[in-house]
Amino acid sequence: MTFANILSLGNQYVNVIIYNVPFFIGQLFLYKTCYQLQPEKKWLYVFVIFLIPSVLFWCSGIHKDGWVLAAFGAIVYSMNGYLHHRTYKYLLGLVVSLFFLFIVRYFYMITLLPVLLLWAFTYSRKNKLRYFAMALLLTSLVFFNIHRVIPALNPMKMIQSRQHEFFGYIGYSDMKTPKLENHFNSYLQNLPSALNHVFLQPVIISDAPLKYQISFLDNLLILLLMGVLMFHFKRKNTSEGLFIALFLYAISIYIFIGYTIPNCGALVRYKSEFTVLLLVSLVGLSEWNAVNHYLNKKLSGTK
């Protein structure tokens, strides 16, 4: 913000533009990567990357969420370019993008690294879905048991501490999130609550402020879109590891957000950039041919 104030002479409206420049560039990087892999779905990618209302609202403000999405877009573009071309410019772009994400939100960068490594490992291998499933199982086992081997390293305790930090900021939209305990049963018992919060909140309530009603409609749009895309899932699209990686990463962070954030307003904001990654992965893994044909015909001017 200090740097933006120097460039804008303290004009807050100009600062908004400065903040949105990297956000938009990151979206373009993400779109270009998806277009290179599946050009026939370009208009679906335009919609889920650029036009989801909650993403536009939360990621275009003066805070870090837009920059997180910008970093994701640059990382995906650089990683995909390096895997395809093996040139140092993409490797340099990947390192810079990861460092940028580390500065903005270090936790997201740390949790993204294993996903990137798995994407690279499976790049030239067949049956990628099997490798990702095995990695997910192994990660779950390590997450819940590593403290038995290394007592100083306890991921469950870290998430529990993060949740307790958020309990200090409970406001109007408190969702009565149950408190986590430092053991497997607590995470298992609280999983339905976490899924409910991150996928189904906010609910429509007659006396709630208008902003919550609008947020409900936005979330309903996202859920409907997710449902239709999952209904059109095609296994053949799992040959591209990027979409499996984005799906698993987005779902994992979704669940983490559902566990830790007790405030509905904060939850909607923090999950916005991962909503993009989740929808992008579902578009990539699905085949919605009728809509693809219609959009390409109407919006591209083809007959």
C-alpha atoms as a PDB file:
ATOM      1  CA  MET A   1       0.000   0.000   0.000  1.00  0.00           C
ATOM      2  CA  THR A   2       2.884   2.360   0.762  1.00  0.00           C
ATOM      3  CA  PHE A   3       4.336   1.738  -2.686  1.00  0.00           C
ATOM      4  CA  ALA A   4       0.907   2.252  -4.284  1.00  0.00           C
ATOM      5  CA  ASN A   5       0.489   5.539  -2.384  1.00  0.00           C
ATOM      6  CA  ILE A   6       3.800   6.775  -3.776  1.00  0.00           C
ATOM      7  CA  LEU A   7       2.691   6.027  -7.336  1.00  0.00           C
ATOM      8  CA  SER A   8      -0.827   7.399  -6.869  1.00  0.00           C
ATOM      9  CA  LEU A   9       0.032  10.326  -4.580  1.00  0.00           C
ATOM     10  CA  GLY A  10      -2.300   8.815  -2.009  1.00  0.00           C
ATOM     11  CA  ASN A  11      -5.345   8.502  -4.282  1.00  0.00           C
ATOM     12  CA  GLN A  12      -7.253   5.410  -3.111  1.00  0.00           C
ATOM     13  CA  TYR A  13      -9.121   4.977  -6.389  1.00  0.00           C
ATOM     14  CA  VAL A  14      -5.834   4.840  -8.283  1.00  0.00           C
ATOM     15  CA  ASN A  15      -4.570   2.331  -5.713  1.00  0.00           C
ATOM     16  CA  VAL A  16      -7.421   0.007  -6.666  1.00  0.00           C
ATOM     17  CA  ILE A  17      -6.193   0.056 -10.267  1.00  0.00           C
ATOM     18  CA  ILE A  18      -2.629  -0.656  -9.171  1.00  0.00           C
ATOM     19  CA  TYR A  19      -3.804  -3.613  -7.084  1.00  0.00           C
ATOM     20  CA  ASN A  20      -5.862  -4.992  -9.970  1.00  0.00           C
ATOM     21  CA  VAL A  21      -3.057  -4.989 -12.537  1.00  0.00           C
ATOM     22  CA  PRO A  22      -1.304  -8.136 -11.194  1.00  0.00           C
ATOM     23  CA  PHE A  23      -4.710  -9.715 -10.490  1.00  0.00           C
ATOM     24  CA  PHE A  24      -5.781  -9.367 -14.126  1.00  0.00           C
ATOM     25  CA  ILE A  25      -2.397 -10.480 -15.456  1.00  0.00           C
ATOM     26  CA  GLY A  26      -2.599 -13.608 -13.291  1.00  0.00           C
ATOM     27  CA  GLN A  27      -6.061 -14.359 -14.681  1.00  0.00           C
ATOM     28  CA  LEU A  28      -4.686 -13.998 -18.203  1.00  0.00           C
ATOM     29  CA  PHE A  29      -1.854 -16.418 -17.418  1.00  0.00           C
ATOM     30  CA  LEU A  30      -4.324 -18.979 -16.103  1.00  0.00           C
ATOM     31  CA  TYR A  31      -6.631 -18.542 -19.097  1.00  0.00           C
ATOM     32  CA  LYS A  32      -3.782 -18.790 -21.602  1.00  0.00           C
ATOM     33  CA  THR A  33      -2.615 -22.061 -20.046  1.00  0.00           C
ATOM     34  CA  CYS A  34      -6.102 -23.583 -20.176  1.00  0.00           C
ATOM     35  CA  TYR A  35      -6.635 -22.335 -23.730  1.00  0.00           C
ATOM     36  CA  GLN A  36      -3.394 -23.959 -24.871  1.00  0.00           C
ATOM     37  CA  LEU A  37      -4.521 -27.299 -23.444  1.00  0.00           C
ATOM     38  CA  GLN A  38      -8.212 -27.182 -24.450  1.00  0.00           C
ATOM     39  CA  PRO A  39      -8.934 -24.387 -26.944  1.00  0.00           C
ATOM     40  CA  GLU A  40     -12.419 -25.733 -27.679  1.00  0.00           C
ATOM     41  CA  LYS A  41     -13.492 -24.752 -24.121  1.00  0.00           C
ATOM     42  CA  LYS A  42     -12.235 -21.184 -24.293  1.00  0.00           C
ATOM     43  CA  TRP A  43     -15.556 -19.495 -23.495  1.00  0.00           C
ATOM     44  CA  LEU A  44     -16.204 -21.706 -20.494  1.00  0.00           C
ATOM     45  CA  TYR A  45     -12.742 -20.773 -19.225  1.00  0.00           C
ATOM     46  CA  VAL A  46     -13.475 -17.100 -19.825  1.00  0.00           C
ATOM     47  CA  PHE A  47     -16.580 -17.394 -17.670  1.00  0.00           C
ATOM     48  CA  VAL A  48     -15.103 -19.318 -14.724  1.00  0.00           C
ATOM     49  CA  ILE A  49     -11.845 -17.317 -14.642  1.00  0.00           C
ATOM     50  CA  PHE A  50     -13.074 -13.780 -15.314  1.00  0.00           C
ATOM     51  CA  LEU A  51     -16.809 -13.575 -14.619  1.00  0.00           C
ATOM     52  CA  ILE A  52     -17.698 -15.288 -11.323  1.00  0.00           C
ATOM     53  CA  PRO A  53     -19.211 -12.398  -9.269  1.00  0.00           C
ATOM     54  CA  SER A  54     -17.741 -13.279  -5.860  1.00  0.00           C
ATOM     55  CA  VAL A  55     -14.269 -13.689  -7.351  1.00  0.00           C
ATOM     56  CA  LEU A  56     -14.499 -10.321  -9.085  1.00  0.00           C
ATOM     57  CA  PHE A  57     -15.707  -8.665  -5.902  1.00  0.00           C
ATOM     58  CA  TRP A  58     -13.234 -10.109  -3.405  1.00  0.00           C
ATOM     59  CA  CYS A  59     -10.137 -10.384  -5.600  1.00  0.00           C
ATOM     60  CA  SER A  60     -10.394  -6.859  -7.003  1.00  0.00           C
ATOM     61  CA  GLY A  61     -10.219  -5.119  -3.622  1.00  0.00           C
ATOM     62  CA  ILE A  62      -7.244  -3.705  -1.759  1.00  0.00           C
ATOM     63  CA  HIS A  63      -6.132  -6.887  -0.056  1.00  0.00           C
ATOM     64  CA  LYS A  64      -4.138 -10.021  -0.856  1.00  0.00           C
ATOM     65  CA  ASP A  65      -6.723 -12.295  -2.429  1.00  0.00           C
ATOM     66  CA  GLY A  66      -6.330 -10.959  -5.961  1.00  0.00           C
ATOM     67  CA  TRP A  67      -2.569 -11.280  -5.695  1.00  0.00           C
ATOM     68  CA  VAL A  68      -2.885 -14.881  -4.502  1.00  0.00           C
ATOM     69  CA  LEU A  69      -4.882 -15.705  -7.620  1.00  0.00           C
ATOM     70  CA  ALA A  70      -2.342 -13.774  -9.706  1.00  0.00           C
ATOM     71  CA  ALA A  71       0.452 -15.903  -8.249  1.00  0.00           C
ATOM     72  CA  PHE A  72      -1.479 -19.101  -8.977  1.00  0.00           C
ATOM     73  CA  GLY A  73      -1.988 -18.033 -12.584  1.00  0.00           C
ATOM     74  CA  ALA A  74       1.694 -17.242 -13.074  1.00  0.00           C
ATOM     75  CA  ILE A  75       2.772 -20.486 -11.378  1.00  0.00           C
ATOM     76  CA  VAL A  76       0.461 -22.620 -13.522  1.00  0.00           C
ATOM     77  CA  TYR A  77       1.575 -20.853 -16.710  1.00  0.00           C
ATOM     78  CA  SER A  78       5.283 -21.146 -15.878  1.00  0.00           C
ATOM     79  CA  MET A  79       5.069 -24.754 -14.726  1.00  0.00           C
ATOM     80  CA  ASN A  80       3.098 -25.825 -17.781  1.00  0.00           C
ATOM     81  CA  GLY A  81       5.513 -23.977 -20.064  1.00  0.00           C
ATOM     82  CA  TYR A  82       8.531 -25.582 -18.427  1.00  0.00           C
ATOM     83  CA  LEU A  83       7.075 -29.092 -18.631  1.00  0.00           C
ATOM     84  CA  HIS A  84       6.295 -28.592 -22.321  1.00  0.00           C
ATOM     85  CA  HIS A  85       9.416 -26.728 -23.478  1.00  0.00           C
ATOM     86  CA  ARG A  86      12.084 -27.269 -20.766  1.00  0.00           C
ATOM     87  CA  THR A  87      13.464 -23.739 -21.167  1.00  0.00           C
ATOM     88  CA  TYR A  88      15.028 -21.674 -18.399  1.00  0.00           C
ATOM     89  CA  LYS A  89      12.742 -18.672 -18.876  1.00  0.00           C
ATOM     90  CA  TYR A  90       9.779 -20.714 -17.646  1.00  0.00           C
ATOM     91  CA  LEU A  91      11.828 -22.105 -14.763  1.00  0.00           C
ATOM     92  CA  LEU A  92      12.805 -18.565 -13.765  1.00  0.00           C
ATOM     93  CA  GLY A  93       9.160 -17.496 -14.015  1.00  0.00           C
ATOM     94  CA  LEU A  94       8.164 -20.404 -11.785  1.00  0.00           C
ATOM     95  CA  VAL A  95      10.720 -19.496  -9.109  1.00  0.00           C
ATOM     96  CA  VAL A  96       9.703 -15.820  -9.138  1.00  0.00           C
ATOM     97  CA  SER A  97       5.998 -16.706  -9.000  1.00  0.00           C
ATOM     98  CA  LEU A  98       6.504 -19.084  -6.088  1.00  0.00           C
ATOM     99  CA  PHE A  99       8.517 -16.455  -4.239  1.00  0.00           C
ATOM    100  CA  PHE A 100       5.745 -13.915  -4.844  1.00  0.00           C
ATOM    101  CA  LEU A 101       3.172 -16.342  -3.430  1.00  0.00           C
ATOM    102  CA  PHE A 102       5.459 -17.002  -0.450  1.00  0.00           C
ATOM    103  CA  ILE A 103       5.545 -13.274   0.302  1.00  0.00           C
ATOM    104  CA  VAL A 104       1.777 -12.864  -0.036  1.00  0.00           C
ATOM    105  CA  ARG A 105       0.615 -16.074   1.703  1.00  0.00           C
ATOM    106  CA  TYR A 106       3.432 -18.435   2.616  1.00  0.00           C
ATOM    107  CA  PHE A 107       1.099 -21.240   3.750  1.00  0.00           C
ATOM    108  CA  TYR A 108      -0.431 -21.559   0.286  1.00  0.00           C
ATOM    109  CA  MET A 109       3.005 -21.766  -1.312  1.00  0.00           C
ATOM    110  CA  ILE A 110       4.185 -24.491   1.070  1.00  0.00           C
ATOM    111  CA  THR A 111       1.080 -26.615   0.490  1.00  0.00           C
ATOM    112  CA  LEU A 112       1.253 -26.054  -3.275  1.00  0.00           C
ATOM    113  CA  LEU A 113       4.808 -27.393  -3.661  1.00  0.00           C
ATOM    114  CA  PRO A 114       3.919 -31.116  -3.255  1.00  0.00           C
ATOM    115  CA  VAL A 115       1.125 -30.704  -5.805  1.00  0.00           C
ATOM    116  CA  LEU A 116       3.519 -29.160  -8.326  1.00  0.00           C
ATOM    117  CA  LEU A 117       6.055 -31.924  -7.768  1.00  0.00           C
ATOM    118  CA  LEU A 118       3.371 -34.560  -8.283  1.00  0.00           C
ATOM    119  CA  TRP A 119       2.213 -32.821 -11.461  1.00  0.00           C
ATOM    120  CA  ALA A 120       5.801 -32.859 -12.762  1.00  0.00           C
ATOM    121  CA  PHE A 121       6.318 -36.497 -11.706  1.00  0.00           C
ATOM    122  CA  THR A 122       3.199 -37.703 -13.540  1.00  0.00           C
ATOM    123  CA  TYR A 123       3.643 -35.474 -16.598  1.00  0.00           C
ATOM    124  CA  SER A 124       4.894 -38.204 -18.956  1.00  0.00           C
ATOM    125  CA  ARG A 125       3.196 -41.123 -17.202  1.00  0.00           C
ATOM    126  CA  LYS A 126      -0.067 -42.848 -17.969  1.00  0.00           C
ATOM    127  CA  ASN A 127      -2.945 -43.355 -15.529  1.00  0.00           C
ATOM    128  CA  LYS A 128      -2.197 -40.123 -13.678  1.00  0.00           C
ATOM    129  CA  LEU A 129      -5.329 -40.449 -11.582  1.00  0.00           C
ATOM    130  CA  ARG A 130      -3.880 -43.495  -9.848  1.00  0.00           C
ATOM    131  CA  TYR A 131      -0.734 -41.620  -8.829  1.00  0.00           C
ATOM    132  CA  PHE A 132      -2.726 -38.695  -7.463  1.00  0.00           C
ATOM    133  CA  ALA A 133      -5.013 -41.046  -5.514  1.00  0.00           C
ATOM    134  CA  MET A 134      -2.004 -42.801  -3.979  1.00  0.00           C
ATOM    135  CA  ALA A 135      -0.429 -39.449  -3.111  1.00  0.00           C
ATOM    136  CA  LEU A 136      -3.659 -38.278  -1.479  1.00  0.00           C
ATOM    137  CA  LEU A 137      -3.818 -41.411   0.670  1.00  0.00           C
ATOM    138  CA  LEU A 138      -0.150 -41.091   1.658  1.00  0.00           C
ATOM    139  CA  THR A 139      -0.558 -37.392   2.474  1.00  0.00           C
ATOM    140  CA  SER A 140      -3.545 -38.130   4.704  1.00  0.00           C
ATOM    141  CA  LEU A 141      -1.619 -40.803   6.580  1.00  0.00           C
ATOM    142  CA  VAL A 142       1.348 -38.473   7.096  1.00  0.00           C
ATOM    143  CA  PHE A 143      -0.871 -35.565   8.145  1.00  0.00           C
ATOM    144  CA  PHE A 144      -2.557 -37.499  10.943  1.00  0.00           C
ATOM    145  CA  ASN A 145       0.429 -39.562  12.108  1.00  0.00           C
ATOM    146  CA  ILE A 146       3.669 -37.647  11.594  1.00  0.00           C
ATOM    147  CA  HIS A 147       3.514 -36.241  15.139  1.00  0.00           C
ATOM    148  CA  ARG A 148       3.981 -39.777  16.429  1.00  0.00           C
ATOM    149  CA  VAL A 149       7.387 -39.910  14.739  1.00  0.00           C
ATOM    150  CA  ILE A 150       8.375 -36.235  14.989  1.00  0.00           C
ATOM    151  CA  PRO A 151       6.556 -34.717  17.999  1.00  0.00           C
ATOM    152  CA  ALA A 152       7.660 -31.193  17.089  1.00  0.00           C
ATOM    153  CA  LEU A 153       5.889 -31.474  13.713  1.00  0.00           C
ATOM    154  CA  ASN A 154       2.136 -31.602  14.220  1.00  0.00           C
ATOM    155  CA  PRO A 155      -0.023 -30.356  11.292  1.00  0.00           C
ATOM    156  CA  MET A 156      -3.242 -31.029  13.220  1.00  0.00           C
ATOM    157  CA  LYS A 157      -2.060 -28.737  16.006  1.00  0.00           C
ATOM    158  CA  MET A 158      -1.155 -26.029  13.486  1.00  0.00           C
ATOM    159  CA  ILE A 159      -4.652 -26.031  11.990  1.00  0.00           C
ATOM    160  CA  GLN A 160      -6.196 -26.096  15.447  1.00  0.00           C
ATOM    161  CA  SER A 161      -4.126 -23.043  16.431  1.00  0.00           C
ATOM    162  CA  ARG A 162      -5.145 -21.279  13.224  1.00  0.00           C
ATOM    163  CA  GLN A 163      -8.801 -21.913  14.009  1.00  0.00           C
ATOM    164  CA  HIS A 164      -8.433 -20.528  17.536  1.00  0.00           C
ATOM    165  CA  GLU A 165      -6.870 -17.368  16.097  1.00  0.00           C
ATOM    166  CA  PHE A 166      -9.950 -16.809  13.951  1.00  0.00           C
ATOM    167  CA  PHE A 167     -12.222 -17.310  16.961  1.00  0.00           C
ATOM    168  CA  GLY A 168     -10.911 -13.970  18.204  1.00  0.00           C
ATOM    169  CA  TYR A 169     -12.493 -12.223  15.197  1.00  0.00           C
ATOM    170  CA  ILE A 170     -16.035 -13.591  15.378  1.00  0.00           C
ATOM    171  CA  GLY A 171     -18.528 -11.036  14.054  1.00  0.00           C
ATOM    172  CA  TYR A 172     -22.083 -10.782  12.784  1.00  0.00           C
ATOM    173  CA  SER A 173     -21.828 -13.829  10.518  1.00  0.00           C
ATOM    174  CA  ASP A 174     -20.559 -16.317  13.111  1.00  0.00           C
ATOM    175  CA  MET A 175     -21.419 -19.872  11.975  1.00  0.00           C
ATOM    176  CA  LYS A 176     -20.927 -21.598  15.362  1.00  0.00           C
ATOM    177  CA  THR A 177     -17.946 -23.570  14.090  1.00  0.00           C
ATOM    178  CA  PRO A 178     -17.133 -26.502  16.414  1.00  0.00           C
ATOM    179  CA  LYS A 179     -13.681 -26.384  17.989  1.00  0.00           C
ATOM    180  CA  LEU A 180     -11.055 -28.744  16.666  1.00  0.00           C
ATOM    181  CA  GLU A 181      -9.055 -30.991  18.955  1.00  0.00           C
ATOM    182  CA  ASN A 182      -5.616 -32.378  18.318  1.00  0.00           C
ATOM    183  CA  HIS A 183      -6.644 -35.886  17.233  1.00  0.00           C
ATOM    184  CA  PHE A 184      -8.039 -37.702  14.211  1.00  0.00           C
ATOM    185  CA  ASN A 185     -11.559 -38.268  15.615  1.00  0.00           C
ATOM    186  CA  SER A 186     -12.100 -34.542  16.053  1.00  0.00           C
ATOM    187  CA  TYR A 187     -11.257 -33.870  12.398  1.00  0.00           C
ATOM    188  CA  LEU A 188     -13.488 -36.712  11.266  1.00  0.00           C
ATOM    189  CA  GLN A 189     -16.434 -35.585  13.426  1.00  0.00           C
ATOM    190  CA  ASN A 190     -16.096 -31.962  12.274  1.00  0.00           C
ATOM    191  CA  LEU A 191     -15.726 -32.792   8.574  1.00  0.00           C
ATOM    192  CA  PRO A 192     -19.488 -32.514   7.807  1.00  0.00           C
ATOM    193  CA  SER A 193     -19.550 -29.090   9.471  1.00  0.00           C
ATOM    194  CA  ALA A 194     -16.505 -27.950   7.487  1.00  0.00           C
ATOM    195  CA  LEU A 195     -18.029 -29.133   4.205  1.00  0.00           C
ATOM    196  CA  ASN A 196     -21.342 -27.484   5.036  1.00  0.00           C
ATOM    197  CA  HIS A 197     -19.675 -24.167   5.811  1.00  0.00           C
ATOM    198  CA  VAL A 198     -17.408 -23.995   2.793  1.00  0.00           C
ATOM    199  CA  PHE A 199     -19.897 -25.290   0.208  1.00  0.00           C
ATOM    200  CA  LEU A 200     -23.374 -24.351   1.484  1.00  0.00           C
ATOM    201  CA  GLN A 201     -22.883 -21.072   3.323  1.00  0.00           C
ATOM    202  CA  PRO A 202     -24.287 -18.495   3.335  1.00  0.00           C
ATOM    203  CA  VAL A 203     -27.870 -19.709   3.466  1.00  0.00           C
ATOM    204  CA  ILE A 204     -30.747 -17.442   2.515  1.00  0.00           C
ATOM    205  CA  ILE A 205     -32.404 -15.854   5.559  1.00  0.00           C
ATOM    206  CA  SER A 206     -35.245 -13.361   5.294  1.00  0.00           C
ATOM    207  CA  ASP A 207     -33.840 -10.862   7.811  1.00  0.00           C
ATOM    208  CA  ALA A 208     -30.189 -11.109   6.690  1.00  0.00           C
ATOM    209  CA  PRO A 209     -28.517  -8.061   5.092  1.00  0.00           C
ATOM    210  CA  LEU A 210     -28.764  -7.741   1.308  1.00  0.00           C
ATOM    211  CA  LYS A 211     -25.081  -8.585   0.845  1.00  0.00           C
ATOM    212  CA  TYR A 212     -25.683 -12.044   2.322  1.00  0.00           C
ATOM    213  CA  GLN A 213     -28.641 -12.620   0.030  1.00  0.00           C
ATOM    214  CA  ILE A 214     -26.490 -11.710  -2.966  1.00  0.00           C
ATOM    215  CA  SER A 215     -23.701 -13.954  -1.710  1.00  0.00           C
ATOM    216  CA  PHE A 216     -26.199 -16.814  -1.393  1.00  0.00           C
ATOM    217  CA  LEU A 217     -27.210 -16.399  -5.051  1.00  0.00           C
ATOM    218  CA  ASP A 218     -23.572 -16.318  -6.120  1.00  0.00           C
ATOM    219  CA  ASN A 219     -22.824 -19.509  -4.176  1.00  0.00           C
ATOM    220  CA  LEU A 220     -25.912 -21.159  -5.656  1.00  0.00           C
ATOM    221  CA  LEU A 221     -24.628 -20.316  -9.153  1.00  0.00           C
ATOM    222  CA  ILE A 222     -21.242 -21.862  -8.309  1.00  0.00           C
ATOM    223  CA  LEU A 223     -22.809 -25.028  -6.864  1.00  0.00           C
ATOM    224  CA  LEU A 224     -25.052 -25.483  -9.909  1.00  0.00           C
ATOM    225  CA  LEU A 225     -22.102 -25.017 -12.225  1.00  0.00           C
ATOM    226  CA  MET A 226     -20.006 -27.483 -10.224  1.00  0.00           C
ATOM    227  CA  GLY A 227     -22.824 -30.034 -10.262  1.00  0.00           C
ATOM    228  CA  VAL A 228     -23.325 -29.835 -14.023  1.00  0.00           C
ATOM    229  CA  LEU A 229     -19.591 -30.050 -14.721  1.00  0.00           C
ATOM    230  CA  MET A 230     -19.162 -33.079 -12.437  1.00  0.00           C
ATOM    231  CA  PHE A 231     -22.127 -34.738 -14.161  1.00  0.00           C
ATOM    232  CA  HIS A 232     -20.240 -34.370 -17.474  1.00  0.00           C
ATOM    233  CA  PHE A 233     -16.948 -35.701 -16.077  1.00  0.00           C
ATOM    234  CA  LYS A 234     -14.918 -37.723 -18.592  1.00  0.00           C
ATOM    235  CA  ARG A 235     -12.106 -39.991 -17.441  1.00  0.00           C
ATOM    236  CA  LYS A 236     -10.119 -39.378 -20.633  1.00  0.00           C
ATOM    237  CA  ASN A 237      -9.467 -35.793 -19.489  1.00  0.00           C
ATOM    238  CA  THR A 238      -7.482 -37.071 -16.506  1.00  0.00           C
ATOM    239  CA  SER A 239      -4.625 -37.551 -18.975  1.00  0.00           C
ATOM    240  CA  GLU A 240      -3.777 -33.895 -18.265  1.00  0.00           C
ATOM    241  CA  GLY A 241      -2.282 -33.786 -14.765  1.00  0.00           C
ATOM    242  CA  LEU A 242      -2.810 -30.036 -14.345  1.00  0.00           C
ATOM    243  CA  PHE A 243      -6.567 -30.395 -13.866  1.00  0.00           C
ATOM    244  CA  ILE A 244      -6.259 -33.232 -11.346  1.00  0.00           C
ATOM    245  CA  ALA A 245      -3.649 -31.212  -9.432  1.00  0.00           C
ATOM    246  CA  LEU A 246      -5.821 -28.079  -9.349  1.00  0.00           C
ATOM    247  CA  PHE A 247      -8.869 -30.057  -8.251  1.00  0.00           C
ATOM    248  CA  LEU A 248      -7.123 -31.791  -5.343  1.00  0.00           C
ATOM    249  CA  TYR A 249      -5.385 -28.606  -4.235  1.00  0.00           C
ATOM    250  CA  ALA A 250      -8.552 -26.489  -4.372  1.00  0.00           C
ATOM    251  CA  ILE A 251     -10.624 -29.097  -2.503  1.00  0.00           C
ATOM    252  CA  SER A 252      -7.914 -29.453   0.153  1.00  0.00           C
ATOM    253  CA  ILE A 253      -7.780 -25.708   0.796  1.00  0.00           C
ATOM    254  CA  TYR A 254     -11.585 -25.549   0.743  1.00  0.00           C
ATOM    255  CA  ILE A 255     -11.714 -28.096   3.565  1.00  0.00           C
ATOM    256  CA  PHE A 256      -8.972 -26.263   5.475  1.00  0.00           C
ATOM    257  CA  ILE A 257     -10.983 -23.034   5.198  1.00  0.00           C
ATOM    258  CA  GLY A 258     -14.134 -24.843   6.321  1.00  0.00           C
ATOM    259  CA  TYR A 259     -12.329 -26.154   9.399  1.00  0.00           C
ATOM    260  CA  THR A 260     -10.663 -22.922  10.459  1.00  0.00           C
ATOM    261  CA  ILE A 261     -12.810 -19.903   9.585  1.00  0.00           C
ATOM    262  CA  PRO A 262     -15.892 -19.371  11.803  1.00  0.00           C
ATOM    263  CA  ASN A 263     -17.055 -16.172  10.064  1.00  0.00           C
ATOM    264  CA  CYS A 264     -19.227 -16.539   6.955  1.00  0.00           C
ATOM    265  CA  GLY A 265     -18.070 -13.215   5.497  1.00  0.00           C
ATOM    266  CA  ALA A 266     -14.402 -14.093   5.902  1.00  0.00           C
ATOM    267  CA  LEU A 267     -15.001 -17.612   4.583  1.00  0.00           C
ATOM    268  CA  VAL A 268     -16.583 -16.342   1.364  1.00  0.00           C
ATOM    269  CA  ARG A 269     -13.635 -14.028   0.819  1.00  0.00           C
ATOM    270  CA  TYR A 270     -10.847 -16.504   1.550  1.00  0.00           C
ATOM    271  CA  LYS A 271     -12.249 -19.242  -0.661  1.00  0.00           C
ATOM    272  CA  SER A 272     -12.831 -16.970  -3.692  1.00  0.00           C
ATOM    273  CA  GLU A 273      -9.463 -17.548  -5.403  1.00  0.00           C
ATOM    274  CA  PHE A 274      -9.782 -21.302  -4.872  1.00  0.00           C
ATOM    275  CA  THR A 275     -13.251 -21.242  -6.381  1.00  0.00           C
ATOM    276  CA  VAL A 276     -11.561 -20.257  -9.641  1.00  0.00           C
ATOM    277  CA  LEU A 277      -9.075 -23.139  -9.417  1.00  0.00           C
ATOM    278  CA  LEU A 278     -11.859 -25.593  -8.593  1.00  0.00           C
ATOM    279  CA  LEU A 279     -14.087 -24.496 -11.479  1.00  0.00           C
ATOM    280  CA  VAL A 280     -11.155 -24.450 -13.899  1.00  0.00           C
ATOM    281  CA  SER A 281     -10.270 -28.025 -12.934  1.00  0.00           C
ATOM    282  CA  LEU A 282     -13.874 -29.180 -13.360  1.00  0.00           C
ATOM    283  CA  VAL A 283     -14.117 -27.548 -16.788  1.00  0.00           C
ATOM    284  CA  GLY A 284     -10.887 -29.286 -17.752  1.00  0.00           C
ATOM    285  CA  LEU A 285     -12.056 -32.686 -16.490  1.00  0.00           C
ATOM    286  CA  SER A 286     -15.529 -32.478 -18.069  1.00  0.00           C
ATOM    287  CA  GLU A 287     -16.929 -32.586 -21.602  1.00  0.00           C
ATOM    288  CA  TRP A 288     -19.917 -30.277 -21.904  1.00  0.00           C
ATOM    289  CA  ASN A 289     -20.061 -30.515 -25.689  1.00  0.00           C
ATOM    290  CA  ALA A 290     -23.466 -28.941 -26.270  1.00  0.00           C
ATOM    291  CA  VAL A 291     -22.543 -25.791 -24.351  1.00  0.00           C
ATOM    292  CA  ASN A 292     -19.069 -25.639 -25.917  1.00  0.00           C
ATOM    293  CA  HIS A 293     -20.601 -25.795 -29.380  1.00  0.00           C
ATOM    294  CA  TYR A 294     -23.247 -23.191 -28.569  1.00  0.00           C
ATOM    295  CA  LEU A 295     -20.778 -20.730 -27.037  1.00  0.00           C
ATOM    296  CA  ASN A 296     -18.259 -21.143 -29.835  1.00  0.00           C
ATOM    297  CA  LYS A 297     -20.997 -20.587 -32.406  1.00  0.00           C
ATOM    298  CA  LYS A 298     -22.600 -17.555 -30.745  1.00  0.00           C
ATOM    299  CA  LEU A 299     -19.570 -15.794 -29.297  1.00  0.00           C
ATOM    300  CA  SER A 300     -16.988 -16.592 -31.975  1.00  0.00           C
ATOM    301  CA  GLY A 301     -19.320 -15.820 -34.847  1.00  0.00           C
ATOM    302  CA  THR A 302     -18.939 -19.242 -36.480  1.00  0.00           C
ATOM    303  CA  LYS A 303     -21.704 -21.039 -38.372  1.00  0.00           C
END
